[in-house]
Amino acid sequence: MFRHVASAVTSLIVPSDGGPVRERRKLAFVGIVAVAFALDRRGNLMGEPEAVLDGVPTETADGRSMYDRVHDALDGTLASIPAPKRRDIERVREAVRRAVRATVDQAWGKRPIVKVLITTVSGKG
């Protein structure tokens, strides 16, 4: 049986040079790009990927959509990995993270924090 224990934590103090504070400073300077997509068990892309850019320009200096650049980087990266190797989710995650980060860096001059969320979809049969 579980017992509910009330807690009255009102503040949490962390060192100013510690992990969470350092990450927040980095976020403030370079922003974050989150990319989410689903792969089937064979490594095929299922549906349309989603991208969220926070603290990153939505357009490049030449007026091109940063979202389009991110999607192109994702598509190109997935196409460059042979289907059997796309079953290695960590390999795919790292390849997409690096490609998106490099693409934004090339267009903006800053390397954002990039988070890649992959869902593996398994069908019947």
PDB file of N, CA and C in Angstrom:
ATOM      1  N   MET A   1       0.842  -1.182   0.000  1.00  0.00           N
ATOM      2  CA  MET A   1       0.000   0.000   0.000  1.00  0.00           C
ATOM      3  C   MET A   1       0.886   1.244   0.000  1.00  0.00           C
ATOM      4  N   PHE A   2       0.452   2.252  -0.756  1.00  0.00           N
ATOM      5  CA  PHE A   2       1.215   3.492  -0.841  1.00  0.00           C
ATOM      6  C   PHE A   2       0.645   4.506   0.129  1.00  0.00           C
ATOM      7  N   ARG A   3       1.529   5.293   0.661  1.00  0.00           N
ATOM      8  CA  ARG A   3       1.119   6.333   1.586  1.00  0.00           C
ATOM      9  C   ARG A   3       1.503   7.676   0.987  1.00  0.00           C
ATOM     10  N   HIS A   4       0.578   8.608   0.979  1.00  0.00           N
ATOM     11  CA  HIS A   4       0.833   9.937   0.440  1.00  0.00           C
ATOM     12  C   HIS A   4       1.573  10.759   1.481  1.00  0.00           C
ATOM     13  N   VAL A   5       2.690  11.318   1.077  1.00  0.00           N
ATOM     14  CA  VAL A   5       3.468  12.155   1.972  1.00  0.00           C
ATOM     15  C   VAL A   5       3.492  13.561   1.391  1.00  0.00           C
ATOM     16  N   ALA A   6       2.978  14.501   2.144  1.00  0.00           N
ATOM     17  CA  ALA A   6       2.959  15.898   1.688  1.00  0.00           C
ATOM     18  C   ALA A   6       4.347  16.492   1.817  1.00  0.00           C
ATOM     19  N   SER A   7       4.712  17.295   0.844  1.00  0.00           N
ATOM     20  CA  SER A   7       6.010  17.937   0.844  1.00  0.00           C
ATOM     21  C   SER A   7       5.820  19.430   0.640  1.00  0.00           C
ATOM     22  N   ALA A   8       6.591  20.204   1.337  1.00  0.00           N
ATOM     23  CA  ALA A   8       6.462  21.662   1.244  1.00  0.00           C
ATOM     24  C   ALA A   8       7.753  22.272   0.720  1.00  0.00           C
ATOM     25  N   VAL A   9       8.207  21.807  -0.422  1.00  0.00           N
ATOM     26  CA  VAL A   9       9.408  22.371  -1.035  1.00  0.00           C
ATOM     27  C   VAL A   9       9.013  23.662  -1.721  1.00  0.00           C
ATOM     28  N   THR A  10       9.588  24.753  -1.285  1.00  0.00           N
ATOM     29  CA  THR A  10       9.236  26.040  -1.865  1.00  0.00           C
ATOM     30  C   THR A  10      10.312  26.572  -2.804  1.00  0.00           C
ATOM     31  N   SER A  11      11.544  26.105  -2.630  1.00  0.00           N
ATOM     32  CA  SER A  11      12.590  26.545  -3.541  1.00  0.00           C
ATOM     33  C   SER A  11      13.696  25.507  -3.567  1.00  0.00           C
ATOM     34  N   LEU A  12      14.371  25.486  -4.667  1.00  0.00           N
ATOM     35  CA  LEU A  12      15.481  24.566  -4.846  1.00  0.00           C
ATOM     36  C   LEU A  12      16.668  25.400  -5.272  1.00  0.00           C
ATOM     37  N   ILE A  13      17.743  25.304  -4.532  1.00  0.00           N
ATOM     38  CA  ILE A  13      18.930  26.099  -4.827  1.00  0.00           C
ATOM     39  C   ILE A  13      19.961  25.193  -5.498  1.00  0.00           C
ATOM     40  N   VAL A  14      20.416  25.648  -6.668  1.00  0.00           N
ATOM     41  CA  VAL A  14      21.457  24.923  -7.382  1.00  0.00           C
ATOM     42  C   VAL A  14      22.614  25.875  -7.613  1.00  0.00           C
ATOM     43  N   PRO A  15      23.819  25.348  -7.721  1.00  0.00           N
ATOM     44  CA  PRO A  15      24.977  26.220  -7.956  1.00  0.00           C
ATOM     45  C   PRO A  15      24.811  26.991  -9.274  1.00  0.00           C
ATOM     46  N   SER A  16      25.275  28.235  -9.296  1.00  0.00           N
ATOM     47  CA  SER A  16      25.108  29.071 -10.486  1.00  0.00           C
ATOM     48  C   SER A  16      25.907  28.559 -11.670  1.00  0.00           C
ATOM     49  N   ASP A  17      26.906  27.739 -11.420  1.00  0.00           N
ATOM     50  CA  ASP A  17      27.678  27.182 -12.530  1.00  0.00           C
ATOM     51  C   ASP A  17      27.324  25.714 -12.766  1.00  0.00           C
ATOM     52  N   GLY A  18      26.253  25.259 -12.124  1.00  0.00           N
ATOM     53  CA  GLY A  18      25.844  23.860 -12.233  1.00  0.00           C
ATOM     54  C   GLY A  18      25.052  23.577 -13.493  1.00  0.00           C
ATOM     55  N   GLY A  19      24.738  22.301 -13.707  1.00  0.00           N
ATOM     56  CA  GLY A  19      24.069  21.814 -14.904  1.00  0.00           C
ATOM     57  C   GLY A  19      22.834  22.567 -15.339  1.00  0.00           C
ATOM     58  N   PRO A  20      21.784  22.648 -14.504  1.00  0.00           N
ATOM     59  CA  PRO A  20      20.551  23.302 -14.953  1.00  0.00           C
ATOM     60  C   PRO A  20      20.740  24.775 -15.315  1.00  0.00           C
ATOM     61  N   VAL A  21      21.526  25.489 -14.542  1.00  0.00           N
ATOM     62  CA  VAL A  21      21.730  26.918 -14.818  1.00  0.00           C
ATOM     63  C   VAL A  21      22.563  27.088 -16.088  1.00  0.00           C
ATOM     64  N   ARG A  22      23.566  26.256 -16.242  1.00  0.00           N
ATOM     65  CA  ARG A  22      24.399  26.311 -17.447  1.00  0.00           C
ATOM     66  C   ARG A  22      23.550  26.017 -18.690  1.00  0.00           C
ATOM     67  N   GLU A  23      22.671  25.006 -18.609  1.00  0.00           N
ATOM     68  CA  GLU A  23      21.787  24.677 -19.733  1.00  0.00           C
ATOM     69  C   GLU A  23      20.847  25.832 -20.061  1.00  0.00           C
ATOM     70  N   ARG A  24      20.310  26.480 -19.043  1.00  0.00           N
ATOM     71  CA  ARG A  24      19.396  27.606 -19.293  1.00  0.00           C
ATOM     72  C   ARG A  24      20.114  28.770 -19.954  1.00  0.00           C
ATOM     73  N   ARG A  25      21.344  29.021 -19.550  1.00  0.00           N
ATOM     74  CA  ARG A  25      22.124  30.080 -20.204  1.00  0.00           C
ATOM     75  C   ARG A  25      22.362  29.747 -21.664  1.00  0.00           C
ATOM     76  N   LYS A  26      22.702  28.494 -21.935  1.00  0.00           N
ATOM     77  CA  LYS A  26      22.933  28.070 -23.310  1.00  0.00           C
ATOM     78  C   LYS A  26      21.658  28.197 -24.131  1.00  0.00           C
ATOM     79  N   LEU A  27      20.524  27.772 -23.564  1.00  0.00           N
ATOM     80  CA  LEU A  27      19.239  27.906 -24.253  1.00  0.00           C
ATOM     81  C   LEU A  27      18.954  29.358 -24.608  1.00  0.00           C
ATOM     82  N   ALA A  28      19.251  30.261 -23.686  1.00  0.00           N
ATOM     83  CA  ALA A  28      18.991  31.680 -23.924  1.00  0.00           C
ATOM     84  C   ALA A  28      19.832  32.210 -25.081  1.00  0.00           C
ATOM     85  N   PHE A  29      21.017  31.654 -25.272  1.00  0.00           N
ATOM     86  CA  PHE A  29      21.915  32.150 -26.305  1.00  0.00           C
ATOM     87  C   PHE A  29      21.698  31.482 -27.658  1.00  0.00           C
ATOM     88  N   VAL A  30      21.489  30.151 -27.682  1.00  0.00           N
ATOM     89  CA  VAL A  30      21.444  29.428 -28.951  1.00  0.00           C
ATOM     90  C   VAL A  30      20.081  28.837 -29.297  1.00  0.00           C
ATOM     91  N   GLY A  31      19.141  28.838 -28.379  1.00  0.00           N
ATOM     92  CA  GLY A  31      17.814  28.292 -28.651  1.00  0.00           C
ATOM     93  C   GLY A  31      17.793  26.777 -28.688  1.00  0.00           C
ATOM     94  N   ILE A  32      16.632  26.259 -29.049  1.00  0.00           N
ATOM     95  CA  ILE A  32      16.449  24.809 -29.096  1.00  0.00           C
ATOM     96  C   ILE A  32      15.595  24.440 -30.302  1.00  0.00           C
ATOM     97  N   VAL A  33      15.938  23.322 -30.905  1.00  0.00           N
ATOM     98  CA  VAL A  33      15.137  22.748 -31.990  1.00  0.00           C
ATOM     99  C   VAL A  33      14.750  21.348 -31.543  1.00  0.00           C
ATOM    100  N   ALA A  34      13.469  21.063 -31.557  1.00  0.00           N
ATOM    101  CA  ALA A  34      12.982  19.720 -31.244  1.00  0.00           C
ATOM    102  C   ALA A  34      12.373  19.140 -32.512  1.00  0.00           C
ATOM    103  N   VAL A  35      12.783  17.927 -32.838  1.00  0.00           N
ATOM    104  CA  VAL A  35      12.287  17.240 -34.024  1.00  0.00           C
ATOM    105  C   VAL A  35      11.667  15.932 -33.554  1.00  0.00           C
ATOM    106  N   ALA A  36      10.463  15.642 -34.027  1.00  0.00           N
ATOM    107  CA  ALA A  36       9.784  14.405 -33.652  1.00  0.00           C
ATOM    108  C   ALA A  36       9.272  13.700 -34.902  1.00  0.00           C
ATOM    109  N   PHE A  37       9.452  12.379 -34.922  1.00  0.00           N
ATOM    110  CA  PHE A  37       8.947  11.589 -36.035  1.00  0.00           C
ATOM    111  C   PHE A  37       8.817  10.140 -35.598  1.00  0.00           C
ATOM    112  N   ALA A  38       8.145   9.369 -36.430  1.00  0.00           N
ATOM    113  CA  ALA A  38       7.937   7.952 -36.135  1.00  0.00           C
ATOM    114  C   ALA A  38       8.551   7.103 -37.240  1.00  0.00           C
ATOM    115  N   LEU A  39       9.125   5.986 -36.834  1.00  0.00           N
ATOM    116  CA  LEU A  39       9.662   5.002 -37.763  1.00  0.00           C
ATOM    117  C   LEU A  39       8.961   3.675 -37.516  1.00  0.00           C
ATOM    118  N   ASP A  40       8.706   2.928 -38.592  1.00  0.00           N
ATOM    119  CA  ASP A  40       8.161   1.587 -38.383  1.00  0.00           C
ATOM    120  C   ASP A  40       9.317   0.647 -38.034  1.00  0.00           C
ATOM    121  N   ARG A  41       9.011  -0.600 -37.786  1.00  0.00           N
ATOM    122  CA  ARG A  41      10.044  -1.529 -37.332  1.00  0.00           C
ATOM    123  C   ARG A  41      11.099  -1.816 -38.396  1.00  0.00           C
ATOM    124  N   ARG A  42      10.813  -1.462 -39.634  1.00  0.00           N
ATOM    125  CA  ARG A  42      11.786  -1.631 -40.722  1.00  0.00           C
ATOM    126  C   ARG A  42      12.640  -0.379 -40.933  1.00  0.00           C
ATOM    127  N   GLY A  43      12.335   0.678 -40.196  1.00  0.00           N
ATOM    128  CA  GLY A  43      13.094   1.913 -40.318  1.00  0.00           C
ATOM    129  C   GLY A  43      12.523   2.896 -41.313  1.00  0.00           C
ATOM    130  N   ASN A  44      11.284   2.674 -41.766  1.00  0.00           N
ATOM    131  CA  ASN A  44      10.643   3.595 -42.704  1.00  0.00           C
ATOM    132  C   ASN A  44       9.931   4.711 -41.954  1.00  0.00           C
ATOM    133  N   LEU A  45      10.020   5.916 -42.486  1.00  0.00           N
ATOM    134  CA  LEU A  45       9.357   7.066 -41.893  1.00  0.00           C
ATOM    135  C   LEU A  45       7.850   6.910 -41.982  1.00  0.00           C
ATOM    136  N   MET A  46       7.178   7.127 -40.882  1.00  0.00           N
ATOM    137  CA  MET A  46       5.724   7.031 -40.817  1.00  0.00           C
ATOM    138  C   MET A  46       5.158   8.435 -40.595  1.00  0.00           C
ATOM    139  N   GLY A  47       4.404   8.928 -41.555  1.00  0.00           N
ATOM    140  CA  GLY A  47       3.803  10.248 -41.402  1.00  0.00           C
ATOM    141  C   GLY A  47       4.793  11.370 -41.621  1.00  0.00           C
ATOM    142  N   GLU A  48       4.372  12.547 -41.268  1.00  0.00           N
ATOM    143  CA  GLU A  48       5.159  13.762 -41.482  1.00  0.00           C
ATOM    144  C   GLU A  48       5.890  14.150 -40.188  1.00  0.00           C
ATOM    145  N   PRO A  49       7.193  14.398 -40.258  1.00  0.00           N
ATOM    146  CA  PRO A  49       7.935  14.830 -39.064  1.00  0.00           C
ATOM    147  C   PRO A  49       7.444  16.199 -38.587  1.00  0.00           C
ATOM    148  N   GLU A  50       7.625  16.434 -37.308  1.00  0.00           N
ATOM    149  CA  GLU A  50       7.284  17.725 -36.711  1.00  0.00           C
ATOM    150  C   GLU A  50       8.565  18.380 -36.208  1.00  0.00           C
ATOM    151  N   ALA A  51       8.634  19.697 -36.296  1.00  0.00           N
ATOM    152  CA  ALA A  51       9.785  20.433 -35.771  1.00  0.00           C
ATOM    153  C   ALA A  51       9.275  21.652 -35.010  1.00  0.00           C
ATOM    154  N   VAL A  52       9.931  21.928 -33.892  1.00  0.00           N
ATOM    155  CA  VAL A  52       9.629  23.112 -33.092  1.00  0.00           C
ATOM    156  C   VAL A  52      10.940  23.867 -32.907  1.00  0.00           C
ATOM    157  N   LEU A  53      10.924  25.156 -33.228  1.00  0.00           N
ATOM    158  CA  LEU A  53      12.096  26.002 -33.064  1.00  0.00           C
ATOM    159  C   LEU A  53      11.769  27.075 -32.034  1.00  0.00           C
ATOM    160  N   ASP A  54      12.496  27.072 -30.930  1.00  0.00           N
ATOM    161  CA  ASP A  54      12.324  28.104 -29.904  1.00  0.00           C
ATOM    162  C   ASP A  54      13.643  28.840 -29.728  1.00  0.00           C
ATOM    163  N   GLY A  55      13.590  30.156 -29.866  1.00  0.00           N
ATOM    164  CA  GLY A  55      14.799  30.948 -29.738  1.00  0.00           C
ATOM    165  C   GLY A  55      15.686  30.866 -30.964  1.00  0.00           C
ATOM    166  N   VAL A  56      15.122  30.386 -32.073  1.00  0.00           N
ATOM    167  CA  VAL A  56      15.841  30.247 -33.336  1.00  0.00           C
ATOM    168  C   VAL A  56      15.042  31.003 -34.391  1.00  0.00           C
ATOM    169  N   PRO A  57      15.706  31.755 -35.269  1.00  0.00           N
ATOM    170  CA  PRO A  57      14.959  32.486 -36.301  1.00  0.00           C
ATOM    171  C   PRO A  57      14.112  31.543 -37.159  1.00  0.00           C
ATOM    172  N   THR A  58      12.958  32.002 -37.574  1.00  0.00           N
ATOM    173  CA  THR A  58      12.087  31.176 -38.414  1.00  0.00           C
ATOM    174  C   THR A  58      12.458  31.286 -39.890  1.00  0.00           C
ATOM    175  N   GLU A  59      13.284  32.291 -40.233  1.00  0.00           N
ATOM    176  CA  GLU A  59      13.743  32.452 -41.607  1.00  0.00           C
ATOM    177  C   GLU A  59      15.244  32.683 -41.628  1.00  0.00           C
ATOM    178  N   THR A  60      15.872  32.255 -42.725  1.00  0.00           N
ATOM    179  CA  THR A  60      17.297  32.502 -42.916  1.00  0.00           C
ATOM    180  C   THR A  60      17.488  33.918 -43.456  1.00  0.00           C
ATOM    181  N   ALA A  61      18.738  34.333 -43.580  1.00  0.00           N
ATOM    182  CA  ALA A  61      19.033  35.680 -44.087  1.00  0.00           C
ATOM    183  C   ALA A  61      18.489  35.888 -45.493  1.00  0.00           C
ATOM    184  N   ASP A  62      18.424  34.806 -46.281  1.00  0.00           N
ATOM    185  CA  ASP A  62      17.906  34.928 -47.645  1.00  0.00           C
ATOM    186  C   ASP A  62      16.394  34.704 -47.726  1.00  0.00           C
ATOM    187  N   GLY A  63      15.724  34.632 -46.568  1.00  0.00           N
ATOM    188  CA  GLY A  63      14.264  34.533 -46.544  1.00  0.00           C
ATOM    189  C   GLY A  63      13.710  33.122 -46.608  1.00  0.00           C
ATOM    190  N   ARG A  64      14.573  32.124 -46.629  1.00  0.00           N
ATOM    191  CA  ARG A  64      14.109  30.732 -46.670  1.00  0.00           C
ATOM    192  C   ARG A  64      13.648  30.297 -45.279  1.00  0.00           C
ATOM    193  N   SER A  65      12.621  29.506 -45.236  1.00  0.00           N
ATOM    194  CA  SER A  65      12.085  29.022 -43.973  1.00  0.00           C
ATOM    195  C   SER A  65      13.089  28.117 -43.261  1.00  0.00           C
ATOM    196  N   MET A  66      13.363  28.419 -41.994  1.00  0.00           N
ATOM    197  CA  MET A  66      14.252  27.571 -41.205  1.00  0.00           C
ATOM    198  C   MET A  66      13.604  26.200 -40.988  1.00  0.00           C
ATOM    199  N   TYR A  67      12.275  26.187 -40.907  1.00  0.00           N
ATOM    200  CA  TYR A  67      11.563  24.906 -40.780  1.00  0.00           C
ATOM    201  C   TYR A  67      11.849  24.024 -41.997  1.00  0.00           C
ATOM    202  N   ASP A  68      11.825  24.625 -43.197  1.00  0.00           N
ATOM    203  CA  ASP A  68      12.107  23.862 -44.409  1.00  0.00           C
ATOM    204  C   ASP A  68      13.533  23.315 -44.392  1.00  0.00           C
ATOM    205  N   ARG A  69      14.472  24.131 -43.926  1.00  0.00           N
ATOM    206  CA  ARG A  69      15.870  23.675 -43.843  1.00  0.00           C
ATOM    207  C   ARG A  69      15.993  22.509 -42.877  1.00  0.00           C
ATOM    208  N   VAL A  70      15.312  22.602 -41.745  1.00  0.00           N
ATOM    209  CA  VAL A  70      15.362  21.522 -40.749  1.00  0.00           C
ATOM    210  C   VAL A  70      14.751  20.243 -41.330  1.00  0.00           C
ATOM    211  N   HIS A  71      13.600  20.375 -41.993  1.00  0.00           N
ATOM    212  CA  HIS A  71      12.954  19.205 -42.612  1.00  0.00           C
ATOM    213  C   HIS A  71      13.838  18.605 -43.716  1.00  0.00           C
ATOM    214  N   ASP A  72      14.487  19.447 -44.498  1.00  0.00           N
ATOM    215  CA  ASP A  72      15.385  18.946 -45.537  1.00  0.00           C
ATOM    216  C   ASP A  72      16.560  18.181 -44.919  1.00  0.00           C
ATOM    217  N   ALA A  73      17.091  18.696 -43.815  1.00  0.00           N
ATOM    218  CA  ALA A  73      18.187  18.012 -43.130  1.00  0.00           C
ATOM    219  C   ALA A  73      17.737  16.655 -42.612  1.00  0.00           C
ATOM    220  N   LEU A  74      16.537  16.614 -42.040  1.00  0.00           N
ATOM    221  CA  LEU A  74      15.985  15.355 -41.545  1.00  0.00           C
ATOM    222  C   LEU A  74      15.792  14.363 -42.691  1.00  0.00           C
ATOM    223  N   ASP A  75      15.134  14.807 -43.765  1.00  0.00           N
ATOM    224  CA  ASP A  75      14.876  13.926 -44.913  1.00  0.00           C
ATOM    225  C   ASP A  75      16.181  13.410 -45.523  1.00  0.00           C
ATOM    226  N   GLY A  76      17.138  14.304 -45.704  1.00  0.00           N
ATOM    227  CA  GLY A  76      18.409  13.907 -46.286  1.00  0.00           C
ATOM    228  C   GLY A  76      19.169  12.921 -45.414  1.00  0.00           C
ATOM    229  N   THR A  77      19.111  13.134 -44.122  1.00  0.00           N
ATOM    230  CA  THR A  77      19.800  12.230 -43.198  1.00  0.00           C
ATOM    231  C   THR A  77      19.171  10.847 -43.218  1.00  0.00           C
ATOM    232  N   LEU A  78      17.838  10.803 -43.154  1.00  0.00           N
ATOM    233  CA  LEU A  78      17.169   9.495 -43.183  1.00  0.00           C
ATOM    234  C   LEU A  78      17.437   8.778 -44.498  1.00  0.00           C
ATOM    235  N   ALA A  79      17.452   9.516 -45.606  1.00  0.00           N
ATOM    236  CA  ALA A  79      17.711   8.903 -46.905  1.00  0.00           C
ATOM    237  C   ALA A  79      19.139   8.367 -46.998  1.00  0.00           C
ATOM    238  N   SER A  80      20.066   8.977 -46.270  1.00  0.00           N
ATOM    239  CA  SER A  80      21.467   8.556 -46.344  1.00  0.00           C
ATOM    240  C   SER A  80      21.772   7.324 -45.492  1.00  0.00           C
ATOM    241  N   ILE A  81      20.870   6.967 -44.604  1.00  0.00           N
ATOM    242  CA  ILE A  81      21.072   5.789 -43.754  1.00  0.00           C
ATOM    243  C   ILE A  81      20.320   4.619 -44.374  1.00  0.00           C
ATOM    244  N   PRO A  82      21.004   3.536 -44.705  1.00  0.00           N
ATOM    245  CA  PRO A  82      20.307   2.375 -45.275  1.00  0.00           C
ATOM    246  C   PRO A  82      19.203   1.888 -44.335  1.00  0.00           C
ATOM    247  N   ALA A  83      18.085   1.464 -44.903  1.00  0.00           N
ATOM    248  CA  ALA A  83      16.913   1.057 -44.108  1.00  0.00           C
ATOM    249  C   ALA A  83      17.246   0.088 -42.975  1.00  0.00           C
ATOM    250  N   PRO A  84      18.046  -0.951 -43.209  1.00  0.00           N
ATOM    251  CA  PRO A  84      18.330  -1.868 -42.099  1.00  0.00           C
ATOM    252  C   PRO A  84      19.033  -1.181 -40.915  1.00  0.00           C
ATOM    253  N   LYS A  85      19.855  -0.173 -41.215  1.00  0.00           N
ATOM    254  CA  LYS A  85      20.567   0.539 -40.142  1.00  0.00           C
ATOM    255  C   LYS A  85      19.672   1.550 -39.436  1.00  0.00           C
ATOM    256  N   ARG A  86      18.545   1.911 -40.056  1.00  0.00           N
ATOM    257  CA  ARG A  86      17.595   2.825 -39.415  1.00  0.00           C
ATOM    258  C   ARG A  86      16.871   2.171 -38.250  1.00  0.00           C
ATOM    259  N   ARG A  87      17.024   0.862 -38.093  1.00  0.00           N
ATOM    260  CA  ARG A  87      16.430   0.184 -36.933  1.00  0.00           C
ATOM    261  C   ARG A  87      17.185   0.522 -35.654  1.00  0.00           C
ATOM    262  N   ASP A  88      18.422   1.010 -35.802  1.00  0.00           N
ATOM    263  CA  ASP A  88      19.220   1.431 -34.654  1.00  0.00           C
ATOM    264  C   ASP A  88      18.807   2.868 -34.305  1.00  0.00           C
ATOM    265  N   ILE A  89      17.864   2.970 -33.391  1.00  0.00           N
ATOM    266  CA  ILE A  89      17.256   4.274 -33.066  1.00  0.00           C
ATOM    267  C   ILE A  89      18.293   5.287 -32.586  1.00  0.00           C
ATOM    268  N   GLU A  90      19.244   4.852 -31.790  1.00  0.00           N
ATOM    269  CA  GLU A  90      20.256   5.796 -31.287  1.00  0.00           C
ATOM    270  C   GLU A  90      21.142   6.316 -32.418  1.00  0.00           C
ATOM    271  N   ARG A  91      21.450   5.486 -33.393  1.00  0.00           N
ATOM    272  CA  ARG A  91      22.225   5.921 -34.561  1.00  0.00           C
ATOM    273  C   ARG A  91      21.439   6.978 -35.329  1.00  0.00           C
ATOM    274  N   VAL A  92      20.156   6.710 -35.553  1.00  0.00           N
ATOM    275  CA  VAL A  92      19.300   7.654 -36.271  1.00  0.00           C
ATOM    276  C   VAL A  92      19.186   8.960 -35.492  1.00  0.00           C
ATOM    277  N   ARG A  93      18.942   8.849 -34.182  1.00  0.00           N
ATOM    278  CA  ARG A  93      18.792  10.041 -33.348  1.00  0.00           C
ATOM    279  C   ARG A  93      20.037  10.935 -33.431  1.00  0.00           C
ATOM    280  N   GLU A  94      21.212  10.339 -33.303  1.00  0.00           N
ATOM    281  CA  GLU A  94      22.448  11.117 -33.322  1.00  0.00           C
ATOM    282  C   GLU A  94      22.720  11.698 -34.706  1.00  0.00           C
ATOM    283  N   ALA A  95      22.452  10.951 -35.748  1.00  0.00           N
ATOM    284  CA  ALA A  95      22.665  11.457 -37.110  1.00  0.00           C
ATOM    285  C   ALA A  95      21.748  12.642 -37.396  1.00  0.00           C
ATOM    286  N   VAL A  96      20.482  12.539 -37.018  1.00  0.00           N
ATOM    287  CA  VAL A  96      19.529  13.635 -37.233  1.00  0.00           C
ATOM    288  C   VAL A  96      19.916  14.838 -36.383  1.00  0.00           C
ATOM    289  N   ARG A  97      20.299  14.595 -35.131  1.00  0.00           N
ATOM    290  CA  ARG A  97      20.696  15.701 -34.241  1.00  0.00           C
ATOM    291  C   ARG A  97      21.861  16.481 -34.848  1.00  0.00           C
ATOM    292  N   ARG A  98      22.860  15.776 -35.308  1.00  0.00           N
ATOM    293  CA  ARG A  98      24.031  16.441 -35.891  1.00  0.00           C
ATOM    294  C   ARG A  98      23.678  17.202 -37.174  1.00  0.00           C
ATOM    295  N   ALA A  99      22.858  16.589 -38.018  1.00  0.00           N
ATOM    296  CA  ALA A  99      22.495  17.227 -39.290  1.00  0.00           C
ATOM    297  C   ALA A  99      21.670  18.493 -39.060  1.00  0.00           C
ATOM    298  N   VAL A 100      20.701  18.424 -38.173  1.00  0.00           N
ATOM    299  CA  VAL A 100      19.861  19.597 -37.891  1.00  0.00           C
ATOM    300  C   VAL A 100      20.705  20.700 -37.265  1.00  0.00           C
ATOM    301  N   ARG A 101      21.558  20.336 -36.322  1.00  0.00           N
ATOM    302  CA  ARG A 101      22.405  21.331 -35.656  1.00  0.00           C
ATOM    303  C   ARG A 101      23.328  22.016 -36.670  1.00  0.00           C
ATOM    304  N   ALA A 102      23.934  21.241 -37.562  1.00  0.00           N
ATOM    305  CA  ALA A 102      24.826  21.805 -38.576  1.00  0.00           C
ATOM    306  C   ALA A 102      24.074  22.694 -39.560  1.00  0.00           C
ATOM    307  N   THR A 103      22.864  22.289 -39.918  1.00  0.00           N
ATOM    308  CA  THR A 103      22.050  23.072 -40.852  1.00  0.00           C
ATOM    309  C   THR A 103      21.701  24.434 -40.268  1.00  0.00           C
ATOM    310  N   VAL A 104      21.264  24.449 -39.016  1.00  0.00           N
ATOM    311  CA  VAL A 104      20.924  25.725 -38.371  1.00  0.00           C
ATOM    312  C   VAL A 104      22.182  26.566 -38.190  1.00  0.00           C
ATOM    313  N   ASP A 105      23.289  25.946 -37.820  1.00  0.00           N
ATOM    314  CA  ASP A 105      24.556  26.661 -37.660  1.00  0.00           C
ATOM    315  C   ASP A 105      24.976  27.314 -38.974  1.00  0.00           C
ATOM    316  N   GLN A 106      24.839  26.582 -40.070  1.00  0.00           N
ATOM    317  CA  GLN A 106      25.211  27.115 -41.376  1.00  0.00           C
ATOM    318  C   GLN A 106      24.347  28.314 -41.753  1.00  0.00           C
ATOM    319  N   ALA A 107      23.066  28.260 -41.417  1.00  0.00           N
ATOM    320  CA  ALA A 107      22.138  29.330 -41.792  1.00  0.00           C
ATOM    321  C   ALA A 107      22.169  30.517 -40.835  1.00  0.00           C
ATOM    322  N   TRP A 108      22.500  30.262 -39.556  1.00  0.00           N
ATOM    323  CA  TRP A 108      22.348  31.291 -38.525  1.00  0.00           C
ATOM    324  C   TRP A 108      23.655  31.644 -37.837  1.00  0.00           C
ATOM    325  N   GLY A 109      24.599  30.721 -37.842  1.00  0.00           N
ATOM    326  CA  GLY A 109      25.868  30.979 -37.180  1.00  0.00           C
ATOM    327  C   GLY A 109      25.892  30.578 -35.717  1.00  0.00           C
ATOM    328  N   LYS A 110      24.859  29.902 -35.266  1.00  0.00           N
ATOM    329  CA  LYS A 110      24.809  29.395 -33.890  1.00  0.00           C
ATOM    330  C   LYS A 110      24.339  27.952 -33.928  1.00  0.00           C
ATOM    331  N   ARG A 111      24.891  27.152 -33.012  1.00  0.00           N
ATOM    332  CA  ARG A 111      24.520  25.739 -32.929  1.00  0.00           C
ATOM    333  C   ARG A 111      23.521  25.544 -31.803  1.00  0.00           C
ATOM    334  N   PRO A 112      22.246  25.376 -32.130  1.00  0.00           N
ATOM    335  CA  PRO A 112      21.232  25.230 -31.085  1.00  0.00           C
ATOM    336  C   PRO A 112      21.318  23.874 -30.393  1.00  0.00           C
ATOM    337  N   ILE A 113      20.667  23.794 -29.259  1.00  0.00           N
ATOM    338  CA  ILE A 113      20.443  22.501 -28.626  1.00  0.00           C
ATOM    339  C   ILE A 113      19.412  21.805 -29.494  1.00  0.00           C
ATOM    340  N   VAL A 114      19.643  20.556 -29.848  1.00  0.00           N
ATOM    341  CA  VAL A 114      18.710  19.815 -30.702  1.00  0.00           C
ATOM    342  C   VAL A 114      18.277  18.550 -29.975  1.00  0.00           C
ATOM    343  N   LYS A 115      16.979  18.378 -29.842  1.00  0.00           N
ATOM    344  CA  LYS A 115      16.391  17.186 -29.242  1.00  0.00           C
ATOM    345  C   LYS A 115      15.642  16.437 -30.331  1.00  0.00           C
ATOM    346  N   VAL A 116      15.894  15.142 -30.444  1.00  0.00           N
ATOM    347  CA  VAL A 116      15.254  14.311 -31.461  1.00  0.00           C
ATOM    348  C   VAL A 116      14.415  13.262 -30.748  1.00  0.00           C
ATOM    349  N   LEU A 117      13.111  13.304 -31.000  1.00  0.00           N
ATOM    350  CA  LEU A 117      12.171  12.374 -30.378  1.00  0.00           C
ATOM    351  C   LEU A 117      11.685  11.406 -31.447  1.00  0.00           C
ATOM    352  N   ILE A 118      11.958  10.122 -31.236  1.00  0.00           N
ATOM    353  CA  ILE A 118      11.585   9.106 -32.214  1.00  0.00           C
ATOM    354  C   ILE A 118      10.640   8.110 -31.571  1.00  0.00           C
ATOM    355  N   THR A 119       9.535   7.885 -32.240  1.00  0.00           N
ATOM    356  CA  THR A 119       8.597   6.848 -31.824  1.00  0.00           C
ATOM    357  C   THR A 119       8.735   5.684 -32.788  1.00  0.00           C
ATOM    358  N   THR A 120       8.820   4.483 -32.236  1.00  0.00           N
ATOM    359  CA  THR A 120       8.866   3.294 -33.077  1.00  0.00           C
ATOM    360  C   THR A 120       7.477   2.691 -33.128  1.00  0.00           C
ATOM    361  N   VAL A 121       6.963   2.559 -34.335  1.00  0.00           N
ATOM    362  CA  VAL A 121       5.613   2.044 -34.555  1.00  0.00           C
ATOM    363  C   VAL A 121       5.728   0.599 -35.035  1.00  0.00           C
ATOM    364  N   SER A 122       5.090  -0.298 -34.324  1.00  0.00           N
ATOM    365  CA  SER A 122       5.101  -1.690 -34.781  1.00  0.00           C
ATOM    366  C   SER A 122       3.691  -2.076 -35.190  1.00  0.00           C
ATOM    367  N   GLY A 123       3.582  -2.589 -36.377  1.00  0.00           N
ATOM    368  CA  GLY A 123       2.278  -3.000 -36.907  1.00  0.00           C
ATOM    369  C   GLY A 123       2.092  -4.494 -36.769  1.00  0.00           C
ATOM    370  N   LYS A 124       0.931  -4.942 -37.136  1.00  0.00           N
ATOM    371  CA  LYS A 124       0.643  -6.381 -37.093  1.00  0.00           C
ATOM    372  C   LYS A 124       1.294  -7.064 -38.283  1.00  0.00           C
ATOM    373  N   GLY A 125       1.710  -8.295 -38.058  1.00  0.00           N
ATOM    374  CA  GLY A 125       2.227  -9.089 -39.166  1.00  0.00           C
ATOM    375  C   GLY A 125       3.662  -9.112 -39.296  1.00  0.00           C
TER     376      GLY A 125
END
